[in-house]
């Protein structure tokens, strides 16, 4: 999990009701959570969104442990308030019988649909940390409804109540005010704390409504919202049928060529070749990047992405020889470290497209480097769940890949992107190289004293 401060230049979004907040969560995470506990951490007088945290719903008996973990995380960020939402999965009609019995006893009023009387929303900026920057936009903001901060009397018949109240108690002990304690399932939402007629035991519909600005921003940035976390993870896996025999042969040939080459400055020439590929894939910025002055390698022209020996993957703009050359080049730590420069700047989109091609096509361990580059790019723009998926993909490809392990440790320990870049020697790689130059050489960043990140299977995500 990690926290990202909202950078300047974000669009403004206002979230005024519990349904709006619940519907916004998939846009913040990048996927629709299931069986999850999600916490929106707020800070400041205007309740600015500081972090979005997701953790698997705790098993029975583990509620207090998970609650303490969540409270400790928010307290460490010095957050003043939060909204807690449980995404539950229960059998049909589960939790409804106790509600009906309560109605028969008269202790719960008849269902209604009006807002809670006297619970006007607290307007305030809520910057969305999970969306990519949009040119000329202002910080994303929004109001958060108030449901009261007193400890819950408890609607214990609702599924997930034990976890919800454990989290509320732990947060209260940590001095973090819970502004809303909600449950959602099957297109409906409930409050764990409100027992007024406006919050019936059977819940209220979330509604659909028009596309929100959050959705528009994600679409404009080319960042889909996945159906669930497993679909997000599947999106970073190797394509079926890859690597092909032709690609394996191209990689072996490239490995042999590199092993036989006794010339100097290979790393510099490989960086020039990669930059030429990125310029060709980003014609709008080509004029800003004069052709590199490196010499061709092995007598071949610098790759331009056009097929030159092998059909390439289905729908791929890159042929097998080009993919093999870049994959082998990134095995050089100097090339890989310099390539972190392309996780931002005018060539970032072109670089991400090339790295994704490698991740979906090359054999182990060659996907580890591009997957780590993609993870850092996602980390920097606040897409923590996607960064986590790419880092785990890198470690699946190469369990000893130290850079992926270190970045994952940073992510799970709440380092901000700037802290991570500084700790790993990547602080100078905020933007692509200036015109006429290749990225500078960076340090590989391998401090021995850092601990390896724990391996979790569902775990906690935070944006």
Protein backbone atom coordinates (compact mmCIF):
# COMPACT_ATOMS: atom_id res chain seq x y z
CA UNK A 1 0.00 0.00 0.00
CA UNK A 2 1.10 3.55 -0.53
CA UNK A 3 0.04 7.15 -0.34
CA UNK A 4 0.20 9.78 -3.04
CA UNK A 5 -0.15 13.49 -2.56
CA UNK A 6 -2.36 15.07 -5.19
CA UNK A 7 -0.23 16.87 -7.75
CA UNK A 8 -1.39 20.20 -9.15
CA UNK A 9 -3.38 20.31 -12.35
CA UNK A 10 -6.25 17.95 -11.59
CA UNK A 11 -9.88 18.38 -12.53
CA UNK A 12 -12.42 19.12 -9.79
CA UNK A 13 -14.98 16.47 -8.84
CA UNK A 14 -17.50 16.81 -6.03
CA UNK A 15 -18.86 13.74 -4.29
CA UNK A 16 -21.92 14.71 -2.29
CA UNK A 17 -23.71 11.50 -1.26
CA UNK A 18 -22.85 7.97 -0.15
CA UNK A 19 -23.90 6.53 -3.56
CA UNK A 20 -21.58 8.94 -5.35
CA UNK A 21 -18.71 8.01 -3.05
CA UNK A 22 -19.30 4.27 -3.51
CA UNK A 23 -19.58 4.61 -7.29
CA UNK A 24 -16.33 6.59 -7.37
CA UNK A 25 -14.25 3.92 -5.63
CA UNK A 26 -13.66 1.74 -8.73
CA UNK A 27 -12.36 4.84 -10.52
CA UNK A 28 -9.95 5.46 -7.65
CA UNK A 29 -8.71 1.87 -7.49
CA UNK A 30 -8.78 1.03 -11.19
CA UNK A 31 -10.98 -2.02 -10.63
CA UNK A 32 -14.30 -2.96 -9.05
CA UNK A 33 -13.47 -4.31 -5.59
CA UNK A 34 -15.14 -7.45 -4.26
CA UNK A 35 -14.99 -8.83 -0.71
CA UNK A 36 -12.99 -5.74 0.21
CA UNK A 37 -12.70 -3.11 2.90
CA UNK A 38 -11.97 0.30 1.35
CA UNK A 39 -10.94 3.37 3.33
CA UNK A 40 -10.81 6.89 1.90
CA UNK A 41 -8.35 8.77 4.09
CA UNK A 42 -9.10 12.51 4.40
CA UNK A 43 -7.00 15.35 5.65
CA UNK A 44 -7.27 19.07 6.29
CA UNK A 45 -10.13 21.40 7.07
CA UNK A 46 -11.73 20.76 3.70
CA UNK A 47 -11.31 16.97 3.93
CA UNK A 48 -8.90 16.52 1.05
CA UNK A 49 -8.57 12.91 -0.09
CA UNK A 50 -5.06 11.79 0.77
CA UNK A 51 -5.20 8.08 0.10
CA UNK A 52 -7.47 5.26 -1.03
CA UNK A 53 -6.75 1.99 0.76
CA UNK A 54 -8.19 -1.43 -0.03
CA UNK A 55 -7.74 -4.61 1.98
CA UNK A 56 -9.36 -8.03 1.69
CA UNK A 57 -12.28 -8.51 4.07
CA UNK A 58 -10.89 -10.19 7.19
CA UNK A 59 -11.83 -13.74 8.03
CA UNK A 60 -13.81 -14.43 11.17
CA UNK A 61 -11.62 -13.82 14.21
CA UNK A 62 -9.13 -11.63 12.33
CA UNK A 63 -11.22 -8.43 12.42
CA UNK A 64 -9.26 -6.77 15.23
CA UNK A 65 -5.90 -7.51 13.64
CA UNK A 66 -6.97 -6.04 10.31
CA UNK A 67 -8.62 -3.07 12.05
CA UNK A 68 -5.40 -2.28 13.91
CA UNK A 69 -3.45 -2.48 10.66
CA UNK A 70 -5.81 -0.05 8.93
CA UNK A 71 -5.84 2.35 11.89
CA UNK A 72 -2.07 2.30 12.15
CA UNK A 73 -1.74 3.07 8.46
CA UNK A 74 -4.07 6.08 8.62
CA UNK A 75 -2.59 7.34 11.89
CA UNK A 76 0.90 7.20 10.37
CA UNK A 77 -0.33 9.50 7.61
CA UNK A 78 -1.75 11.87 10.25
CA UNK A 79 -5.20 11.77 8.69
CA UNK A 80 -8.04 13.50 10.49
CA UNK A 81 -11.04 11.66 9.06
CA UNK A 82 -12.05 8.89 6.72
CA UNK A 83 -14.90 7.12 4.96
CA UNK A 84 -15.07 3.33 5.33
CA UNK A 85 -16.88 1.18 2.76
CA UNK A 86 -17.24 -2.62 2.90
CA UNK A 87 -17.87 -4.45 -0.37
CA UNK A 88 -19.55 -7.66 0.78
CA UNK A 89 -20.63 -10.87 -0.94
CA UNK A 90 -23.45 -12.78 0.74
CA UNK A 91 -26.10 -15.32 -0.13
CA UNK A 92 -29.44 -13.95 -1.40
CA UNK A 93 -31.50 -12.34 1.38
CA UNK A 94 -28.68 -12.78 3.90
CA UNK A 95 -29.05 -10.22 6.63
CA UNK A 96 -32.61 -9.31 5.67
CA UNK A 97 -34.51 -11.56 8.08
CA UNK A 98 -33.23 -9.78 11.20
CA UNK A 99 -34.17 -6.49 9.57
CA UNK A 100 -37.70 -7.69 8.90
CA UNK A 101 -38.04 -8.89 12.46
CA UNK A 102 -36.91 -5.52 13.66
CA UNK A 103 -39.60 -3.88 11.57
CA UNK A 104 -42.22 -6.16 13.04
CA UNK A 105 -41.10 -5.16 16.55
CA UNK A 106 -41.38 -1.55 15.52
CA UNK A 107 -37.82 -0.70 16.43
CA UNK A 108 -36.93 0.17 12.83
CA UNK A 109 -39.15 2.52 10.87
CA UNK A 110 -40.49 1.86 7.39
CA UNK A 111 -38.13 2.25 4.45
CA UNK A 112 -37.72 5.63 2.88
CA UNK A 113 -35.56 7.24 0.22
CA UNK A 114 -34.88 10.79 1.38
CA UNK A 115 -31.44 11.94 2.58
CA UNK A 116 -30.73 11.87 6.29
CA UNK A 117 -32.36 14.98 7.77
CA UNK A 118 -29.83 17.46 9.04
CA UNK A 119 -26.83 15.62 7.60
CA UNK A 120 -25.67 18.19 5.08
CA UNK A 121 -22.50 17.18 3.29
CA UNK A 122 -19.20 18.68 4.31
CA UNK A 123 -17.88 20.15 1.10
CA UNK A 124 -14.20 20.01 0.59
CA UNK A 125 -11.56 19.10 -1.94
CA UNK A 126 -10.98 15.41 -2.45
CA UNK A 127 -8.09 15.05 -4.94
CA UNK A 128 -8.35 11.72 -6.69
CA UNK A 129 -4.98 10.08 -6.42
CA UNK A 130 -5.80 7.24 -8.75
CA UNK A 131 -6.28 9.25 -11.96
CA UNK A 132 -3.67 10.40 -14.40
CA UNK A 133 -2.86 14.11 -14.72
CA UNK A 134 -4.93 15.96 -17.29
CA UNK A 135 -3.42 18.99 -18.97
CA UNK A 136 -4.75 22.27 -17.62
CA UNK A 137 -6.95 20.69 -14.99
CA UNK A 138 -7.33 21.58 -11.32
CA UNK A 139 -7.15 19.26 -8.29
CA UNK A 140 -9.96 16.73 -8.02
CA UNK A 141 -12.16 17.64 -5.10
CA UNK A 142 -15.42 16.67 -3.49
CA UNK A 143 -17.63 16.79 -0.42
CA UNK A 144 -17.99 13.98 2.08
CA UNK A 145 -21.29 13.39 3.93
CA UNK A 146 -21.28 13.38 7.70
CA UNK A 147 -22.88 10.53 9.57
CA UNK A 148 -21.53 11.42 12.98
CA UNK A 149 -18.40 10.43 14.80
CA UNK A 150 -19.79 8.75 17.91
CA UNK A 151 -19.11 5.02 18.28
CA UNK A 152 -21.74 2.93 16.54
CA UNK A 153 -24.62 1.45 18.47
CA UNK A 154 -24.55 -1.15 15.77
CA UNK A 155 -26.65 -2.57 12.98
CA UNK A 156 -25.06 -5.91 13.68
CA UNK A 157 -27.48 -7.83 11.45
CA UNK A 158 -25.72 -6.43 8.36
CA UNK A 159 -23.06 -8.67 6.80
CA UNK A 160 -19.57 -7.45 7.57
CA UNK A 161 -20.68 -5.66 10.74
CA UNK A 162 -17.99 -7.25 12.93
CA UNK A 163 -15.24 -5.97 10.64
CA UNK A 164 -16.90 -2.59 10.19
CA UNK A 165 -17.25 -1.92 13.91
CA UNK A 166 -13.76 -3.24 14.66
CA UNK A 167 -12.31 -0.79 12.15
CA UNK A 168 -14.45 2.05 13.49
CA UNK A 169 -13.28 1.34 17.03
CA UNK A 170 -9.61 1.08 16.07
CA UNK A 171 -9.77 4.29 14.07
CA UNK A 172 -11.44 6.08 16.95
CA UNK A 173 -8.70 4.92 19.31
CA UNK A 174 -6.16 6.27 16.80
CA UNK A 175 -7.90 9.64 16.69
CA UNK A 176 -9.25 9.28 13.14
CA UNK A 177 -12.90 10.28 12.77
CA UNK A 178 -15.09 7.91 10.75
CA UNK A 179 -17.40 10.14 8.72
CA UNK A 180 -19.26 7.30 7.02
CA UNK A 181 -19.40 3.57 7.71
CA UNK A 182 -21.03 1.97 4.68
CA UNK A 183 -21.70 -1.40 3.11
CA UNK A 184 -22.43 -2.03 -0.56
CA UNK A 185 -23.50 -5.13 -2.45
CA UNK A 186 -25.58 -5.94 -5.51
CA UNK A 187 -26.06 -2.35 -6.58
CA UNK A 188 -27.34 -1.22 -3.16
CA UNK A 189 -25.81 0.51 -0.17
CA UNK A 190 -26.38 0.48 3.60
CA UNK A 191 -25.18 2.49 6.56
CA UNK A 192 -23.91 0.50 9.52
CA UNK A 193 -24.64 3.42 11.84
CA UNK A 194 -27.84 5.13 10.70
CA UNK A 195 -31.09 3.57 11.91
CA UNK A 196 -33.42 6.30 10.71
CA UNK A 197 -36.26 5.70 8.22
CA UNK A 198 -34.11 7.07 5.42
CA UNK A 199 -31.70 4.13 5.82
CA UNK A 200 -33.91 1.04 5.58
CA UNK A 201 -32.62 -2.42 6.50
CA UNK A 202 -32.94 -3.49 2.86
CA UNK A 203 -30.64 -0.72 1.75
CA UNK A 204 -30.99 1.87 -0.98
CA UNK A 205 -30.07 1.69 -4.67
CA UNK A 206 -26.72 3.06 -5.75
CA UNK A 207 -28.20 4.12 -9.05
CA UNK A 208 -26.24 4.48 -12.23
CA UNK A 209 -26.49 8.09 -13.35
CA UNK A 210 -24.51 9.67 -16.18
CA UNK A 211 -20.80 9.12 -16.65
CA UNK A 212 -18.88 10.94 -13.96
CA UNK A 213 -15.87 13.17 -14.51
CA UNK A 214 -13.77 10.49 -12.84
CA UNK A 215 -14.80 8.00 -15.53
CA UNK A 216 -14.13 10.54 -18.27
CA UNK A 217 -10.66 11.24 -16.89
CA UNK A 218 -9.73 7.56 -16.80
CA UNK A 219 -10.99 6.98 -20.34
CA UNK A 220 -9.15 10.07 -21.59
CA UNK A 221 -5.96 8.77 -19.98
CA UNK A 222 -6.43 5.33 -21.55
CA UNK A 223 -6.74 3.67 -18.15
CA UNK A 224 -9.56 1.11 -17.99
CA UNK A 225 -11.48 0.16 -14.87
CA UNK A 226 -11.25 -3.62 -14.60
CA UNK A 227 -14.18 -5.81 -13.58
CA UNK A 228 -12.27 -7.00 -10.50
CA UNK A 229 -8.76 -7.34 -9.14
CA UNK A 230 -8.20 -10.69 -10.84
CA UNK A 231 -8.93 -9.11 -14.22
CA UNK A 232 -6.42 -6.36 -13.46
CA UNK A 233 -3.80 -8.99 -12.61
CA UNK A 234 -4.65 -10.95 -15.77
CA UNK A 235 -4.00 -7.81 -17.83
CA UNK A 236 -0.28 -7.93 -16.99
CA UNK A 237 0.22 -11.62 -17.80
CA UNK A 238 1.96 -13.10 -20.82
CA UNK A 239 -0.28 -13.64 -23.85
CA UNK A 240 -1.34 -17.23 -24.63
CA UNK A 241 1.01 -18.79 -27.15
CA UNK A 242 3.87 -16.46 -26.26
CA UNK A 243 6.76 -16.59 -26.63
CA UNK A 244 6.65 -18.08 -30.11
CA UNK A 245 9.44 -20.24 -31.50
CA UNK A 246 10.40 -17.39 -33.81
CA UNK A 247 10.76 -14.96 -30.92
CA UNK A 248 12.81 -17.45 -28.89
CA UNK A 249 15.12 -17.90 -31.86
CA UNK A 250 15.46 -14.12 -32.25
CA UNK A 251 16.35 -13.77 -28.54
CA UNK A 252 18.97 -16.52 -28.76
CA UNK A 253 20.48 -14.86 -31.81
CA UNK A 254 20.59 -11.53 -30.04
CA UNK A 255 22.19 -13.07 -26.94
CA UNK A 256 24.88 -14.64 -29.13
CA UNK A 257 25.53 -11.32 -30.90
CA UNK A 258 25.91 -9.48 -27.60
CA UNK A 259 28.23 -12.14 -26.20
CA UNK A 260 30.45 -11.92 -29.31
CA UNK A 261 30.58 -8.12 -29.40
CA UNK A 262 33.83 -6.68 -28.09
CA UNK A 263 33.14 -3.03 -28.96
CA UNK A 264 32.63 -0.41 -26.28
CA UNK A 265 29.67 1.75 -25.29
CA UNK A 266 27.07 -0.86 -26.17
CA UNK A 267 24.74 0.50 -23.48
CA UNK A 268 24.80 3.95 -25.06
CA UNK A 269 24.04 2.62 -28.51
CA UNK A 270 21.21 0.46 -27.21
CA UNK A 271 19.70 3.49 -25.48
CA UNK A 272 19.90 5.41 -28.75
CA UNK A 273 18.10 2.57 -30.50
CA UNK A 274 15.35 2.45 -27.90
CA UNK A 275 14.90 6.21 -28.11
CA UNK A 276 14.59 5.91 -31.90
CA UNK A 277 11.81 3.35 -31.39
CA UNK A 278 9.99 5.64 -28.99
CA UNK A 279 10.31 8.64 -31.31
CA UNK A 280 8.85 6.60 -34.14
CA UNK A 281 5.93 5.57 -31.93
CA UNK A 282 5.31 9.16 -30.80
CA UNK A 283 5.41 11.25 -34.00
CA UNK A 284 3.87 14.26 -32.27
CA UNK A 285 7.06 14.64 -30.23
CA UNK A 286 9.53 13.55 -32.91
CA UNK A 287 10.61 17.10 -33.71
CA UNK A 288 11.61 17.59 -30.07
CA UNK A 289 13.99 14.63 -30.23
CA UNK A 290 16.61 14.80 -33.00
CA UNK A 291 17.82 11.48 -34.33
CA UNK A 292 20.35 9.84 -31.99
CA UNK A 293 23.96 9.88 -33.04
CA UNK A 294 24.80 6.33 -31.93
CA UNK A 295 26.27 3.86 -34.38
CA UNK A 296 24.21 0.91 -35.64
CA UNK A 297 24.81 -2.35 -33.83
CA UNK A 298 25.90 -5.50 -35.68
CA UNK A 299 25.53 -3.72 -38.99
CA UNK A 300 21.73 -3.41 -38.64
CA UNK A 301 19.86 -0.11 -39.00
CA UNK A 302 18.38 1.29 -35.81
CA UNK A 303 15.03 -0.44 -35.24
CA UNK A 304 12.01 1.57 -36.26
CA UNK A 305 9.23 -0.83 -35.21
CA UNK A 306 8.52 -2.01 -38.76
CA UNK A 307 8.72 -5.74 -39.45
CA UNK A 308 12.28 -6.63 -40.42
CA UNK A 309 12.51 -10.31 -39.65
CA UNK A 310 9.60 -12.17 -38.12
CA UNK A 311 5.91 -11.41 -38.04
CA UNK A 312 5.75 -10.32 -34.41
CA UNK A 313 2.83 -10.89 -32.07
CA UNK A 314 -0.77 -10.65 -33.21
CA UNK A 315 -1.60 -6.98 -33.57
CA UNK A 316 1.90 -6.00 -32.48
CA UNK A 317 3.63 -2.99 -34.06
CA UNK A 318 7.01 -4.60 -33.32
CA UNK A 319 8.61 -7.54 -35.09
CA UNK A 320 10.35 -10.41 -33.28
CA UNK A 321 13.88 -9.09 -33.88
CA UNK A 322 13.03 -5.68 -32.43
CA UNK A 323 11.41 -7.21 -29.35
CA UNK A 324 14.44 -9.48 -28.89
CA UNK A 325 16.89 -6.57 -29.18
CA UNK A 326 15.06 -4.46 -26.59
CA UNK A 327 14.52 -7.38 -24.21
CA UNK A 328 18.21 -8.29 -24.22
CA UNK A 329 19.20 -4.62 -23.96
CA UNK A 330 17.10 -4.14 -20.81
CA UNK A 331 18.97 -7.02 -19.17
CA UNK A 332 21.86 -4.54 -18.96
CA UNK A 333 21.30 -2.65 -15.68
CA UNK A 334 22.75 0.55 -17.13
CA UNK A 335 20.16 0.46 -19.93
CA UNK A 336 17.34 -0.44 -17.58
CA UNK A 337 18.22 2.25 -15.04
CA UNK A 338 18.49 4.90 -17.72
CA UNK A 339 15.12 3.80 -19.11
CA UNK A 340 13.40 4.94 -15.91
CA UNK A 341 13.66 8.41 -17.50
CA UNK A 342 10.90 7.34 -19.87
CA UNK A 343 8.39 6.70 -17.07
CA UNK A 344 7.52 10.39 -17.47
CA UNK A 345 7.77 13.11 -20.07
CA UNK A 346 6.77 13.30 -23.75
CA UNK A 347 7.83 9.76 -24.61
CA UNK A 348 6.21 8.08 -21.60
CA UNK A 349 3.19 6.73 -23.50
CA UNK A 350 5.35 5.34 -26.29
CA UNK A 351 7.68 3.74 -23.74
CA UNK A 352 4.78 2.17 -21.85
CA UNK A 353 3.48 0.70 -25.11
CA UNK A 354 6.88 -0.86 -25.84
CA UNK A 355 7.30 -2.19 -22.30
CA UNK A 356 3.80 -3.73 -22.43
CA UNK A 357 4.72 -5.50 -25.68
CA UNK A 358 7.70 -7.06 -23.96
CA UNK A 359 5.72 -8.07 -20.86
CA UNK A 360 3.09 -9.85 -22.92
CA UNK A 361 5.51 -11.62 -25.26
CA UNK A 362 9.00 -12.36 -23.93
CA UNK A 363 10.05 -15.46 -21.95
CA UNK A 364 11.35 -15.41 -18.36
CA UNK A 365 13.37 -13.66 -17.07
CA UNK A 366 13.16 -10.95 -19.72
CA UNK A 367 9.76 -9.56 -18.63
CA UNK A 368 11.12 -8.55 -15.22
CA UNK A 369 12.77 -5.32 -16.42
CA UNK A 370 9.89 -3.93 -18.52
CA UNK A 371 7.35 -4.96 -15.86
CA UNK A 372 9.34 -3.01 -13.27
CA UNK A 373 9.48 0.03 -15.56
CA UNK A 374 5.70 -0.14 -16.01
CA UNK A 375 5.27 -0.49 -12.25
CA UNK A 376 7.29 2.65 -11.56
CA UNK A 377 5.28 4.56 -14.18
CA UNK A 378 2.03 3.43 -12.51
CA UNK A 379 3.44 4.17 -9.04
CA UNK A 380 4.32 7.73 -10.02
CA UNK A 381 0.85 8.52 -11.36
CA UNK A 382 -0.86 7.07 -8.27
CA UNK A 383 -2.07 3.74 -9.71
CA UNK A 384 -0.92 1.61 -6.80
CA UNK A 385 -2.92 -1.52 -7.59
CA UNK A 386 -1.55 -1.70 -11.14
CA UNK A 387 1.98 -1.01 -9.88
CA UNK A 388 1.59 -3.90 -7.42
CA UNK A 389 0.43 -6.23 -10.20
CA UNK A 390 3.37 -5.37 -12.44
CA UNK A 391 5.88 -5.81 -9.61
CA UNK A 392 4.51 -9.24 -8.76
CA UNK A 393 4.63 -10.14 -12.44
CA UNK A 394 8.30 -9.09 -12.50
CA UNK A 395 9.04 -11.26 -9.47
CA UNK A 396 7.15 -14.18 -10.98
CA UNK A 397 9.44 -13.90 -14.00
CA UNK A 398 12.58 -13.52 -11.89
CA UNK A 399 12.17 -14.12 -8.12
CA UNK A 400 15.61 -12.61 -7.50
CA UNK A 401 14.95 -9.38 -9.40
CA UNK A 402 16.14 -6.94 -6.75
CA UNK A 403 14.81 -3.70 -8.22
CA UNK A 404 11.24 -5.06 -8.39
CA UNK A 405 11.54 -6.29 -4.81
CA UNK A 406 12.75 -2.89 -3.60
CA UNK A 407 10.04 -0.95 -5.41
CA UNK A 408 7.42 -3.35 -4.01
CA UNK A 409 8.82 -2.79 -0.52
CA UNK A 410 8.49 0.96 -1.05
CA UNK A 411 4.92 0.57 -2.28
CA UNK A 412 3.81 -1.61 0.62
CA UNK A 413 5.47 0.59 3.24
CA UNK A 414 3.73 3.74 2.07
CA UNK A 415 6.63 5.56 0.42
CA UNK A 416 5.62 8.46 -1.78
CA UNK A 417 6.89 8.25 -5.37
CA UNK A 418 9.51 10.93 -4.74
CA UNK A 419 10.75 9.04 -1.65
CA UNK A 420 10.94 5.81 -3.62
CA UNK A 421 12.83 7.46 -6.47
CA UNK A 422 15.29 9.06 -4.07
CA UNK A 423 15.85 5.85 -2.09
CA UNK A 424 16.50 3.82 -5.24
CA UNK A 425 18.59 6.41 -7.03
CA UNK A 426 15.86 7.25 -9.54
CA UNK A 427 15.24 10.83 -8.41
CA UNK A 428 16.76 12.36 -11.53
CA UNK A 429 14.45 10.48 -13.87
CA UNK A 430 11.32 12.59 -13.60
CA UNK A 431 11.17 13.44 -17.30
CA UNK A 432 12.49 12.11 -20.55
CA UNK A 433 15.88 13.20 -21.78
CA UNK A 434 16.17 16.67 -23.29
CA UNK A 435 16.32 17.05 -27.08
CA UNK A 436 19.40 15.51 -28.62
CA UNK A 437 20.40 13.50 -25.57
CA UNK A 438 19.81 10.05 -24.19
CA UNK A 439 18.75 9.42 -20.59
CA UNK A 440 21.49 9.81 -18.02
CA UNK A 441 23.03 6.82 -16.32
CA UNK A 442 21.41 6.06 -12.98
CA UNK A 443 22.33 4.01 -9.94
CA UNK A 444 20.77 0.59 -9.74
CA UNK A 445 19.64 1.29 -6.19
CA UNK A 446 20.34 -1.81 -4.15
CA UNK A 447 20.75 -0.87 -0.49
CA UNK A 448 21.46 -4.10 1.37
CA UNK A 449 19.73 -3.00 4.55
CA UNK A 450 16.22 -2.91 3.02
CA UNK A 451 13.95 -5.83 3.74
CA UNK A 452 12.23 -7.83 1.06
CA UNK A 453 8.52 -7.14 0.71
CA UNK A 454 6.17 -9.76 2.13
CA UNK A 455 4.36 -11.79 -0.48
CA UNK A 456 0.60 -11.48 -0.20
CA UNK A 457 -2.05 -13.01 -2.41
CA UNK A 458 -4.83 -10.45 -2.25
CA UNK A 459 -3.62 -8.03 0.26
CA UNK A 460 -3.87 -4.33 0.62
CA UNK A 461 -3.84 -1.76 -2.15
CA UNK A 462 -3.67 1.96 -1.70
CA UNK A 463 -3.58 4.78 -4.16
